[in-house]
């Protein structure tokens, strides 16, 4: 981050501020060493990575020991509010943060937890700079989105022309789900909007600046599980939370199906276009300059530094409604990306005067258990498996559908067509000729389906470990089976591929097609 020296420690987080004649909010920090110039502060756009004891511009390895704890929330209604200065586990009484607000509540084992309100808001809401900036604006959600409720279990979220959210974020099913939760769930929305409301109510002006001590009303969170890291004081049994690593099983009241609509959206369809490059060459890291506006000339580069797990107790399906289609070539879609990625970027809002390429923090690790929502992607394949069992004497054991993991900068775990997760099916098939494990990948966003991989079960020593490694290598190979790795793991004669059944009906398999597919399978394995 520009302006900070190498290996700068965040020791405390203080008040928020902005110029009375401006709109850009900053966050006062207690850091060591101090900035090269100017005040020890940063833009609110960087809220996703503002965590106590985090190291900015880290160049050396440090042995960091943190007290970790997991617990379930019964209710937030009985949480007390105290100043951080009252916490016995506070290691240093820094003037900049003593008046910051904490939620205080006991745990069943007698631990007294001090949870800084800014950190809870970061884990719940501040998954990118856009959400952090929007939270302080009064009635911003109503000005940028409108929600329509249709038939039972369905809603449409209209993204208005006034919306400042980068369009590319709607391609990510995790962000769509978080945004739907904020917009539609009454408790979540009231909590998010309390940030801007309390800023309007309690903020005050001093000279040329408006200042505010961060505070908000949390949602009930009944039954949610938190995993936290912090500093524990054995004498008082007080735990000061530095970071929430994960907040899971969040209760919600949402329709089963939620669609986002904007005239700016387009859907990607496989075309016959020429092969294009793999996008811009990305530098090993980025230098974030929060002092200038971001350019409108590029799609925001996603940068990650801290990952926070987030999941809802009940999965809901989200999708984009697109009126426009864009064909993509064999190499992917990189329109709006620079031919050579810049190391210097800005995480501020995109604007007409922006000179630096736009970037957006990506700290969301969305882990809602939702694989069952995408079973329809495998309808024909599952029908073929049923025929193997009913007509060809096979015993079929299907494992729960899996979502392919996120691996570094690779985006192949997301379907280009609808932004939903790419899923992976694992099935055990017992036949008179032996037992096999079948691997099937959703390639519905491509004109060419990946063949089903068949592995002799006798060659598999640990199924879960083998599948996890295959998933990673599959993604690294751009959705091609890693045959050399499979050879080394199982032996060249213990795995093979069976191509998908061809169809002359625009890719839709008829009953006869599925029957032919099952027959070809049975010839290979029975």
Protein backbone atom coordinates (compact mmCIF):
# COMPACT_ATOMS: atom_id res chain seq x y z
CA UNK A 1 0.00 0.00 0.00
CA UNK A 2 1.46 3.27 -1.12
CA UNK A 3 2.70 5.61 1.61
CA UNK A 4 3.29 2.85 4.15
CA UNK A 5 6.77 1.60 4.91
CA UNK A 6 7.67 -2.06 4.59
CA UNK A 7 6.51 -4.30 7.45
CA UNK A 8 4.13 -1.76 8.96
CA UNK A 9 2.07 -3.14 11.86
CA UNK A 10 -1.53 -2.07 12.44
CA UNK A 11 -1.72 -1.69 16.23
CA UNK A 12 -5.05 0.10 16.45
CA UNK A 13 -8.01 1.40 14.44
CA UNK A 14 -9.47 4.78 15.34
CA UNK A 15 -12.16 7.23 14.26
CA UNK A 16 -13.41 7.75 10.73
CA UNK A 17 -13.07 11.18 9.13
CA UNK A 18 -13.64 13.16 5.94
CA UNK A 19 -13.29 16.75 4.89
CA UNK A 20 -16.51 18.69 5.41
CA UNK A 21 -16.43 19.70 1.76
CA UNK A 22 -15.58 16.18 0.53
CA UNK A 23 -17.09 12.72 0.26
CA UNK A 24 -14.15 10.37 0.72
CA UNK A 25 -13.90 8.83 4.19
CA UNK A 26 -10.65 7.86 5.87
CA UNK A 27 -9.76 5.70 8.89
CA UNK A 28 -7.25 6.82 11.51
CA UNK A 29 -4.70 4.14 12.38
CA UNK A 30 -2.11 3.48 15.03
CA UNK A 31 0.77 1.94 13.10
CA UNK A 32 4.46 1.21 13.49
CA UNK A 33 6.49 2.59 11.85
CA UNK A 34 4.58 5.74 10.93
CA UNK A 35 3.78 6.60 7.32
CA UNK A 36 6.42 8.19 5.14
CA UNK A 37 4.41 11.41 5.05
CA UNK A 38 1.00 12.66 6.10
CA UNK A 39 -1.25 11.33 8.84
CA UNK A 40 -1.31 7.68 9.91
CA UNK A 41 -4.54 6.82 8.14
CA UNK A 42 -5.95 5.14 5.06
CA UNK A 43 -9.08 5.24 2.94
CA UNK A 44 -12.27 3.50 4.06
CA UNK A 45 -12.05 1.66 0.72
CA UNK A 46 -9.33 -0.44 2.35
CA UNK A 47 -11.61 -1.52 5.21
CA UNK A 48 -11.63 -5.16 3.99
CA UNK A 49 -7.98 -5.52 5.05
CA UNK A 50 -7.93 -3.33 8.17
CA UNK A 51 -7.31 -5.86 10.93
CA UNK A 52 -5.47 -5.39 14.20
CA UNK A 53 -1.92 -6.79 14.13
CA UNK A 54 -1.99 -7.12 10.35
CA UNK A 55 1.29 -6.31 8.64
CA UNK A 56 1.11 -3.91 5.68
CA UNK A 57 3.66 -4.32 2.87
CA UNK A 58 5.06 -7.43 4.50
CA UNK A 59 8.55 -8.43 3.34
CA UNK A 60 9.66 -10.68 6.21
CA UNK A 61 8.19 -13.71 7.91
CA UNK A 62 6.95 -13.24 11.48
CA UNK A 63 5.94 -15.86 14.02
CA UNK A 64 2.52 -14.63 15.12
CA UNK A 65 0.83 -16.45 17.99
CA UNK A 66 -2.86 -15.66 18.38
CA UNK A 67 -5.42 -17.08 20.76
CA UNK A 68 -8.13 -18.74 18.67
CA UNK A 69 -11.69 -19.55 19.64
CA UNK A 70 -14.91 -20.73 18.00
CA UNK A 71 -18.35 -20.19 19.45
CA UNK A 72 -22.03 -19.98 18.55
CA UNK A 73 -24.14 -16.85 18.98
CA UNK A 74 -27.40 -17.25 20.88
CA UNK A 75 -28.49 -13.67 20.23
CA UNK A 76 -26.93 -10.24 19.83
CA UNK A 77 -29.81 -8.54 21.64
CA UNK A 78 -28.15 -8.94 25.04
CA UNK A 79 -24.68 -7.87 23.94
CA UNK A 80 -23.37 -4.89 25.91
CA UNK A 81 -21.52 -1.95 24.35
CA UNK A 82 -18.34 -0.67 25.98
CA UNK A 83 -15.32 1.38 25.01
CA UNK A 84 -12.25 -0.57 24.02
CA UNK A 85 -10.33 1.16 26.79
CA UNK A 86 -12.29 -0.91 29.33
CA UNK A 87 -10.97 -4.22 27.95
CA UNK A 88 -8.52 -5.97 30.35
CA UNK A 89 -6.97 -7.84 27.41
CA UNK A 90 -5.94 -4.61 25.66
CA UNK A 91 -2.15 -4.82 25.47
CA UNK A 92 -1.51 -1.08 24.96
CA UNK A 93 -3.80 1.80 25.83
CA UNK A 94 -3.45 3.68 22.55
CA UNK A 95 -5.17 7.08 22.62
CA UNK A 96 -6.40 6.66 19.05
CA UNK A 97 -8.56 3.63 19.84
CA UNK A 98 -9.51 3.77 23.53
CA UNK A 99 -12.92 5.25 22.74
CA UNK A 100 -13.72 2.78 19.95
CA UNK A 101 -16.82 0.69 20.60
CA UNK A 102 -16.85 -3.03 21.37
CA UNK A 103 -19.63 -5.56 21.80
CA UNK A 104 -19.10 -7.34 25.09
CA UNK A 105 -20.67 -10.67 26.04
CA UNK A 106 -19.83 -13.83 28.02
CA UNK A 107 -19.21 -17.25 26.51
CA UNK A 108 -20.39 -20.50 28.18
CA UNK A 109 -16.86 -21.34 29.35
CA UNK A 110 -16.58 -18.09 31.33
CA UNK A 111 -14.61 -16.14 28.73
CA UNK A 112 -15.61 -12.49 28.42
CA UNK A 113 -15.39 -11.52 24.77
CA UNK A 114 -14.59 -7.99 23.59
CA UNK A 115 -15.49 -7.74 19.89
CA UNK A 116 -14.63 -4.40 18.20
CA UNK A 117 -17.66 -3.22 16.26
CA UNK A 118 -15.60 -2.26 13.21
CA UNK A 119 -14.23 -5.81 12.99
CA UNK A 120 -17.69 -7.39 13.11
CA UNK A 121 -18.91 -5.02 10.38
CA UNK A 122 -15.83 -5.90 8.32
CA UNK A 123 -16.57 -9.64 8.56
CA UNK A 124 -20.29 -9.21 7.87
CA UNK A 125 -20.36 -6.46 5.28
CA UNK A 126 -17.01 -4.98 4.22
CA UNK A 127 -16.01 -7.62 1.68
CA UNK A 128 -14.91 -4.99 -0.82
CA UNK A 129 -14.36 -1.26 -0.99
CA UNK A 130 -17.73 -0.59 -2.60
CA UNK A 131 -19.68 -2.06 0.34
CA UNK A 132 -17.49 -0.22 2.86
CA UNK A 133 -17.99 3.15 1.14
CA UNK A 134 -21.72 2.61 0.60
CA UNK A 135 -22.35 1.77 4.26
CA UNK A 136 -21.69 5.36 5.34
CA UNK A 137 -24.08 6.90 2.81
CA UNK A 138 -27.61 7.56 4.00
CA UNK A 139 -30.24 5.57 2.06
CA UNK A 140 -27.65 4.46 -0.50
CA UNK A 141 -29.19 1.01 -1.01
CA UNK A 142 -32.53 2.49 -2.04
CA UNK A 143 -30.79 4.86 -4.43
CA UNK A 144 -28.82 2.10 -6.15
CA UNK A 145 -31.15 -0.93 -6.09
CA UNK A 146 -34.85 -1.75 -6.22
CA UNK A 147 -36.33 -5.10 -5.21
CA UNK A 148 -39.39 -6.70 -6.80
CA UNK A 149 -41.07 -9.75 -5.29
CA UNK A 150 -42.79 -11.96 -7.85
CA UNK A 151 -44.19 -15.42 -7.47
CA UNK A 152 -43.63 -17.31 -4.24
CA UNK A 153 -39.96 -17.90 -3.57
CA UNK A 154 -38.64 -15.49 -6.21
CA UNK A 155 -37.34 -11.92 -6.26
CA UNK A 156 -35.71 -9.61 -8.80
CA UNK A 157 -33.10 -7.06 -7.75
CA UNK A 158 -32.88 -4.22 -10.27
CA UNK A 159 -29.45 -2.60 -10.40
CA UNK A 160 -30.25 1.05 -11.06
CA UNK A 161 -28.27 3.34 -13.35
CA UNK A 162 -27.16 5.26 -10.25
CA UNK A 163 -25.43 2.16 -8.82
CA UNK A 164 -21.68 2.55 -8.32
CA UNK A 165 -20.97 -1.13 -7.76
CA UNK A 166 -18.50 -2.49 -10.34
CA UNK A 167 -20.51 -4.58 -12.81
CA UNK A 168 -17.98 -7.42 -12.72
CA UNK A 169 -18.77 -8.16 -9.07
CA UNK A 170 -22.18 -9.46 -10.12
CA UNK A 171 -20.39 -12.27 -11.97
CA UNK A 172 -19.44 -13.80 -8.62
CA UNK A 173 -22.16 -15.92 -7.01
CA UNK A 174 -20.68 -15.30 -3.54
CA UNK A 175 -20.97 -11.53 -3.81
CA UNK A 176 -24.44 -11.83 -5.33
CA UNK A 177 -25.54 -13.88 -2.33
CA UNK A 178 -24.04 -11.44 0.19
CA UNK A 179 -25.60 -8.47 -1.62
CA UNK A 180 -28.99 -10.24 -1.80
CA UNK A 181 -28.78 -10.90 1.95
CA UNK A 182 -28.02 -7.24 2.66
CA UNK A 183 -30.77 -5.97 0.36
CA UNK A 184 -33.63 -8.38 1.13
CA UNK A 185 -33.15 -9.79 4.63
CA UNK A 186 -34.81 -7.23 6.93
CA UNK A 187 -32.37 -7.76 9.83
CA UNK A 188 -29.27 -7.59 7.63
CA UNK A 189 -30.49 -4.49 5.82
CA UNK A 190 -31.38 -2.69 9.05
CA UNK A 191 -27.94 -3.53 10.42
CA UNK A 192 -26.11 -2.32 7.29
CA UNK A 193 -28.14 0.89 7.11
CA UNK A 194 -27.61 1.59 10.82
CA UNK A 195 -23.99 2.43 9.93
CA UNK A 196 -24.97 5.40 7.77
CA UNK A 197 -27.80 6.40 10.08
CA UNK A 198 -25.56 6.51 13.16
CA UNK A 199 -22.90 8.39 11.23
CA UNK A 200 -25.50 11.04 10.37
CA UNK A 201 -26.72 11.13 13.98
CA UNK A 202 -23.49 11.00 15.97
CA UNK A 203 -20.85 12.38 13.62
CA UNK A 204 -19.53 15.84 14.41
CA UNK A 205 -17.48 18.53 12.71
CA UNK A 206 -14.15 19.86 13.98
CA UNK A 207 -12.62 22.56 11.83
CA UNK A 208 -12.42 21.32 8.24
CA UNK A 209 -13.22 17.69 9.11
CA UNK A 210 -16.20 15.58 10.08
CA UNK A 211 -15.34 12.82 12.55
CA UNK A 212 -17.21 9.76 13.76
CA UNK A 213 -16.53 6.87 16.13
CA UNK A 214 -17.70 3.78 14.26
CA UNK A 215 -20.83 2.12 15.63
CA UNK A 216 -23.66 -0.03 14.29
CA UNK A 217 -26.54 -2.28 15.34
CA UNK A 218 -25.70 -5.94 14.62
CA UNK A 219 -28.22 -8.38 13.11
CA UNK A 220 -29.53 -11.05 15.55
CA UNK A 221 -27.13 -13.76 14.24
CA UNK A 222 -28.97 -16.45 16.19
CA UNK A 223 -27.16 -19.75 15.70
CA UNK A 224 -24.27 -18.26 13.70
CA UNK A 225 -20.79 -19.62 14.40
CA UNK A 226 -17.78 -17.33 14.68
CA UNK A 227 -14.11 -18.26 14.57
CA UNK A 228 -11.93 -15.50 15.98
CA UNK A 229 -8.28 -14.71 16.75
CA UNK A 230 -7.09 -12.28 19.36
CA UNK A 231 -5.35 -11.71 22.68
CA UNK A 232 -6.44 -13.54 25.83
CA UNK A 233 -5.81 -12.26 29.35
CA UNK A 234 -5.81 -15.31 31.70
CA UNK A 235 -6.28 -13.29 34.89
CA UNK A 236 -9.52 -11.61 33.81
CA UNK A 237 -10.47 -14.33 31.28
CA UNK A 238 -11.06 -11.55 28.76
CA UNK A 239 -10.51 -12.10 25.04
CA UNK A 240 -9.98 -9.11 22.75
CA UNK A 241 -10.79 -10.09 19.16
CA UNK A 242 -8.30 -8.94 16.56
CA UNK A 243 -9.79 -10.75 13.58
CA UNK A 244 -12.89 -12.74 12.67
CA UNK A 245 -11.64 -15.49 10.36
CA UNK A 246 -15.06 -16.87 9.66
CA UNK A 247 -18.72 -16.27 10.34
CA UNK A 248 -20.87 -19.21 9.29
CA UNK A 249 -24.47 -20.42 9.42
CA UNK A 250 -25.85 -16.87 9.41
CA UNK A 251 -29.66 -16.97 9.68
CA UNK A 252 -31.52 -15.32 6.83
CA UNK A 253 -35.01 -14.77 5.46
CA UNK A 254 -34.64 -14.83 1.68
CA UNK A 255 -36.56 -16.14 -1.33
CA UNK A 256 -35.27 -19.38 -2.84
CA UNK A 257 -34.44 -17.73 -6.18
CA UNK A 258 -33.04 -14.22 -6.58
CA UNK A 259 -32.26 -12.65 -9.95
CA UNK A 260 -30.18 -9.53 -10.54
CA UNK A 261 -31.02 -7.39 -13.57
CA UNK A 262 -29.19 -4.52 -15.21
CA UNK A 263 -29.10 -3.30 -18.82
CA UNK A 264 -25.31 -3.37 -18.42
CA UNK A 265 -25.21 -7.13 -17.88
CA UNK A 266 -24.32 -9.51 -20.67
CA UNK A 267 -24.09 -13.29 -20.79
CA UNK A 268 -21.09 -15.04 -22.27
CA UNK A 269 -21.76 -17.71 -24.87
CA UNK A 270 -19.27 -20.02 -26.48
CA UNK A 271 -18.42 -18.91 -30.01
CA UNK A 272 -16.16 -19.77 -32.88
CA UNK A 273 -13.92 -16.82 -32.28
CA UNK A 274 -10.17 -16.96 -32.58
CA UNK A 275 -8.06 -17.89 -29.61
CA UNK A 276 -7.25 -14.88 -27.48
CA UNK A 277 -4.59 -14.36 -24.86
CA UNK A 278 -4.85 -15.26 -21.23
CA UNK A 279 -5.35 -11.65 -20.23
CA UNK A 280 -2.81 -9.20 -18.92
CA UNK A 281 0.43 -10.37 -17.36
CA UNK A 282 -0.17 -9.79 -13.70
CA UNK A 283 2.65 -8.54 -11.47
CA UNK A 284 3.50 -10.48 -8.33
CA UNK A 285 1.79 -7.81 -6.24
CA UNK A 286 0.03 -4.47 -6.51
CA UNK A 287 0.80 -1.07 -5.03
CA UNK A 288 -2.52 0.35 -3.80
CA UNK A 289 -2.76 4.13 -4.01
CA UNK A 290 -5.87 5.28 -2.13
CA UNK A 291 -5.25 8.98 -2.71
CA UNK A 292 -6.54 9.10 -6.28
CA UNK A 293 -9.67 8.18 -8.18
CA UNK A 294 -9.68 4.88 -10.12
CA UNK A 295 -9.89 4.80 -13.89
CA UNK A 296 -13.07 3.85 -15.73
CA UNK A 297 -11.05 2.36 -18.57
CA UNK A 298 -10.50 -1.12 -17.11
CA UNK A 299 -12.42 -3.83 -15.34
CA UNK A 300 -11.36 -3.79 -11.67
CA UNK A 301 -8.44 -6.05 -10.85
CA UNK A 302 -9.36 -8.27 -7.88
CA UNK A 303 -6.70 -8.26 -5.20
CA UNK A 304 -6.76 -10.41 -2.08
CA UNK A 305 -4.86 -10.13 1.16
CA UNK A 306 -7.16 -11.43 3.90
CA UNK A 307 -9.77 -14.13 3.45
CA UNK A 308 -12.91 -14.20 5.60
CA UNK A 309 -15.24 -17.20 5.51
CA UNK A 310 -18.92 -16.33 5.18
CA UNK A 311 -21.91 -18.64 4.89
CA UNK A 312 -25.67 -18.51 5.26
CA UNK A 313 -27.55 -21.19 7.17
CA UNK A 314 -29.80 -21.75 4.14
CA UNK A 315 -28.59 -21.62 0.56
CA UNK A 316 -30.44 -19.49 -1.98
CA UNK A 317 -29.83 -19.47 -5.70
CA UNK A 318 -28.82 -16.22 -7.38
CA UNK A 319 -28.39 -15.43 -11.06
CA UNK A 320 -28.02 -12.57 -13.52
CA UNK A 321 -30.65 -11.63 -16.10
CA UNK A 322 -28.91 -10.53 -19.27
CA UNK A 323 -30.51 -9.00 -22.33
CA UNK A 324 -27.22 -8.92 -24.22
CA UNK A 325 -24.95 -11.77 -25.24
CA UNK A 326 -21.24 -11.70 -25.91
CA UNK A 327 -19.48 -14.54 -27.74
CA UNK A 328 -16.11 -15.53 -26.38
CA UNK A 329 -13.18 -17.04 -28.21
CA UNK A 330 -11.32 -20.18 -27.33
CA UNK A 331 -9.02 -18.47 -24.89
CA UNK A 332 -11.61 -16.72 -22.75
CA UNK A 333 -12.99 -13.26 -22.31
CA UNK A 334 -10.68 -10.39 -21.47
CA UNK A 335 -12.45 -7.35 -22.89
CA UNK A 336 -11.78 -4.36 -20.70
CA UNK A 337 -8.51 -5.76 -19.37
CA UNK A 338 -5.23 -4.02 -19.96
CA UNK A 339 -2.69 -5.70 -22.24
CA UNK A 340 -0.10 -5.17 -19.56
CA UNK A 341 -1.30 -5.08 -15.97
CA UNK A 342 -0.08 -2.18 -13.87
CA UNK A 343 1.51 -2.65 -10.48
CA UNK A 344 0.06 0.68 -9.32
CA UNK A 345 -3.73 0.55 -8.82
CA UNK A 346 -6.46 2.45 -6.99
CA UNK A 347 -9.19 0.92 -4.83
CA UNK A 348 -11.21 4.14 -4.85
CA UNK A 349 -14.43 4.60 -6.80
CA UNK A 350 -14.04 4.68 -10.58
CA UNK A 351 -14.41 8.15 -12.07
CA UNK A 352 -13.79 10.20 -15.21
CA UNK A 353 -10.63 11.75 -13.80
CA UNK A 354 -9.06 8.49 -12.65
CA UNK A 355 -5.54 7.82 -13.92
CA UNK A 356 -4.66 4.58 -12.15
CA UNK A 357 -6.18 1.21 -13.12
CA UNK A 358 -9.11 0.25 -10.93
CA UNK A 359 -8.76 -2.50 -8.32
CA UNK A 360 -11.13 -4.04 -5.80
CA UNK A 361 -10.42 -5.99 -2.64
CA UNK A 362 -11.61 -9.58 -2.72
CA UNK A 363 -11.65 -10.96 0.83
CA UNK A 364 -14.86 -13.01 0.59
CA UNK A 365 -14.57 -16.77 1.03
CA UNK A 366 -18.23 -17.66 0.50
CA UNK A 367 -18.81 -21.16 1.93
CA UNK A 368 -22.59 -21.59 2.00
CA UNK A 369 -23.47 -25.26 1.53
CA UNK A 370 -25.19 -24.84 -1.84
CA UNK A 371 -23.91 -27.56 -4.19
CA UNK A 372 -27.37 -29.17 -4.23
CA UNK A 373 -28.71 -26.10 -6.04
CA UNK A 374 -26.75 -27.03 -9.16
CA UNK A 375 -27.81 -30.66 -9.57
CA UNK A 376 -29.78 -29.65 -12.68
CA UNK A 377 -26.49 -29.11 -14.50
CA UNK A 378 -25.98 -32.90 -14.40
CA UNK A 379 -29.51 -33.99 -15.36
CA UNK A 380 -28.60 -35.97 -18.49
CA UNK A 381 -25.54 -37.50 -16.83
CA UNK A 382 -27.59 -38.66 -13.84
CA UNK A 383 -30.22 -40.08 -16.19
CA UNK A 384 -27.47 -42.07 -17.89
CA UNK A 385 -26.32 -43.42 -14.49
CA UNK A 386 -29.88 -44.53 -13.73
CA UNK A 387 -29.93 -46.52 -16.98
CA UNK A 388 -26.63 -48.15 -16.02
CA UNK A 389 -28.31 -49.32 -12.84
CA UNK A 390 -31.71 -50.26 -14.24
CA UNK A 391 -30.71 -51.74 -17.61
CA UNK A 392 -27.10 -52.86 -17.27
CA UNK A 393 -26.85 -54.38 -13.79
CA UNK A 394 -24.64 -51.71 -12.19
CA UNK A 395 -24.87 -50.53 -8.57
CA UNK A 396 -24.63 -46.73 -8.41
CA UNK A 397 -23.42 -44.87 -5.30
CA UNK A 398 -23.46 -41.10 -5.76
CA UNK A 399 -21.46 -38.84 -3.45
CA UNK A 400 -22.65 -35.30 -2.67
CA UNK A 401 -21.96 -32.82 -5.44
CA UNK A 402 -18.77 -30.80 -4.91
CA UNK A 403 -17.87 -27.22 -5.87
CA UNK A 404 -14.47 -26.84 -7.48
CA UNK A 405 -12.16 -24.84 -5.20
CA UNK A 406 -10.75 -21.38 -5.79
CA UNK A 407 -7.08 -21.68 -6.75
CA UNK A 408 -5.05 -18.46 -6.77
CA UNK A 409 -6.04 -16.16 -9.63
CA UNK A 410 -7.68 -18.94 -11.64
CA UNK A 411 -11.38 -18.29 -12.32
CA UNK A 412 -12.20 -21.63 -13.91
CA UNK A 413 -14.09 -22.65 -10.76
CA UNK A 414 -16.78 -20.17 -11.84
CA UNK A 415 -19.04 -20.76 -14.85
CA UNK A 416 -18.62 -18.02 -17.46
CA UNK A 417 -22.25 -18.37 -18.49
CA UNK A 418 -23.99 -17.48 -15.22
CA UNK A 419 -21.30 -16.81 -12.61
CA UNK A 420 -22.36 -19.80 -10.52
CA UNK A 421 -19.87 -22.32 -9.12
CA UNK A 422 -18.54 -25.04 -11.37
CA UNK A 423 -19.45 -28.37 -9.79
CA UNK A 424 -17.84 -31.78 -9.78
CA UNK A 425 -19.63 -35.12 -9.46
CA UNK A 426 -18.05 -38.24 -7.93
CA UNK A 427 -19.82 -41.58 -8.34
CA UNK A 428 -18.86 -45.14 -7.37
CA UNK A 429 -20.08 -47.83 -9.77
CA UNK A 430 -20.01 -51.51 -8.84
CA UNK A 431 -20.14 -53.88 -11.83
CA UNK A 432 -19.60 -57.59 -12.45
CA UNK A 433 -16.23 -56.62 -13.89
CA UNK A 434 -15.05 -54.56 -10.89
CA UNK A 435 -15.59 -51.24 -9.13
CA UNK A 436 -14.94 -47.83 -10.70
CA UNK A 437 -15.03 -44.19 -9.63
CA UNK A 438 -16.49 -41.77 -12.18
CA UNK A 439 -15.51 -38.08 -12.27
CA UNK A 440 -17.77 -35.63 -14.12
CA UNK A 441 -17.22 -31.86 -14.46
CA UNK A 442 -19.83 -29.23 -15.35
CA UNK A 443 -18.68 -27.70 -18.64
CA UNK A 444 -22.08 -26.31 -19.61
CA UNK A 445 -20.43 -22.97 -20.47
CA UNK A 446 -18.32 -24.55 -23.21
CA UNK A 447 -19.15 -25.93 -26.64
CA UNK A 448 -17.01 -28.99 -25.92
CA UNK A 449 -17.83 -31.19 -22.91
CA UNK A 450 -14.98 -32.72 -20.95
CA UNK A 451 -15.04 -36.52 -21.09
CA UNK A 452 -16.07 -38.46 -18.00
CA UNK A 453 -13.00 -39.84 -16.21
CA UNK A 454 -13.20 -43.45 -15.10
CA UNK A 455 -10.76 -44.72 -12.44
CA UNK A 456 -10.32 -48.28 -11.24
CA UNK A 457 -11.27 -48.12 -7.56
CA UNK A 458 -8.60 -50.68 -6.61
CA UNK A 459 -5.93 -48.12 -7.54
CA UNK A 460 -7.28 -45.47 -5.13
CA UNK A 461 -5.79 -45.58 -1.65
CA UNK A 462 -7.46 -42.45 -0.25
CA UNK A 463 -10.46 -41.20 -2.23
CA UNK A 464 -10.87 -37.78 -0.57
CA UNK A 465 -7.18 -36.86 -0.81
CA UNK A 466 -7.01 -38.04 -4.42
CA UNK A 467 -10.14 -36.12 -5.48
CA UNK A 468 -8.98 -32.91 -3.77
CA UNK A 469 -5.66 -33.00 -5.60
CA UNK A 470 -7.31 -33.87 -8.93
CA UNK A 471 -9.65 -30.86 -8.56
CA UNK A 472 -6.71 -28.50 -8.08
CA UNK A 473 -4.73 -29.91 -11.02
CA UNK A 474 -7.84 -29.89 -13.22
CA UNK A 475 -8.17 -26.15 -12.66
CA UNK A 476 -4.48 -25.47 -13.15
CA UNK A 477 -4.71 -27.35 -16.47
CA UNK A 478 -7.59 -25.07 -17.61
CA UNK A 479 -10.23 -27.79 -17.27
CA UNK A 480 -8.24 -30.59 -18.87
CA UNK A 481 -7.68 -33.88 -17.11
CA UNK A 482 -4.12 -33.97 -15.67
CA UNK A 483 -3.28 -37.26 -17.37
CA UNK A 484 0.39 -37.34 -16.36
CA UNK A 485 -0.55 -36.87 -12.73
CA UNK A 486 -3.27 -39.52 -13.00
CA UNK A 487 -0.73 -41.88 -14.56
CA UNK A 488 1.63 -41.39 -11.63
CA UNK A 489 -1.14 -41.66 -9.05
CA UNK A 490 -3.11 -44.64 -10.36
CA UNK A 491 -1.07 -46.18 -13.18
CA UNK A 492 -1.57 -45.71 -16.91
CA UNK A 493 -3.94 -48.68 -17.24
CA UNK A 494 -6.18 -47.74 -14.28
CA UNK A 495 -7.91 -44.68 -15.70
CA UNK A 496 -9.48 -43.68 -19.00
CA UNK A 497 -12.00 -41.24 -20.47
CA UNK A 498 -15.42 -41.81 -21.99
CA UNK A 499 -16.59 -38.94 -24.23
CA UNK A 500 -20.04 -37.43 -23.81
CA UNK A 501 -22.83 -38.45 -26.14
CA UNK A 502 -23.13 -36.21 -29.18
CA UNK A 503 -26.44 -34.53 -29.86
CA UNK A 504 -27.86 -32.94 -32.97
CA UNK A 505 -30.49 -31.03 -31.02
CA UNK A 506 -28.57 -27.87 -30.01
CA UNK A 507 -26.73 -29.78 -27.31
CA UNK A 508 -29.89 -31.19 -25.70
CA UNK A 509 -29.80 -34.99 -25.30
CA UNK A 510 -32.93 -36.91 -26.22
CA UNK A 511 -34.03 -40.10 -24.46
CA UNK A 512 -32.44 -42.09 -27.27
CA UNK A 513 -29.17 -40.16 -26.88
CA UNK A 514 -29.00 -40.95 -23.16
CA UNK A 515 -29.71 -44.64 -23.88
CA UNK A 516 -26.82 -44.73 -26.39
CA UNK A 517 -24.58 -43.02 -23.82
CA UNK A 518 -25.42 -45.64 -21.17
CA UNK A 519 -24.80 -48.45 -23.65
CA UNK A 520 -21.35 -47.08 -24.54
CA UNK A 521 -20.54 -46.80 -20.83
CA UNK A 522 -21.66 -50.37 -20.12
CA UNK A 523 -19.46 -51.74 -22.90
CA UNK A 524 -16.44 -50.07 -21.29
CA UNK A 525 -17.00 -51.03 -17.64
CA UNK A 526 -19.33 -54.00 -17.37
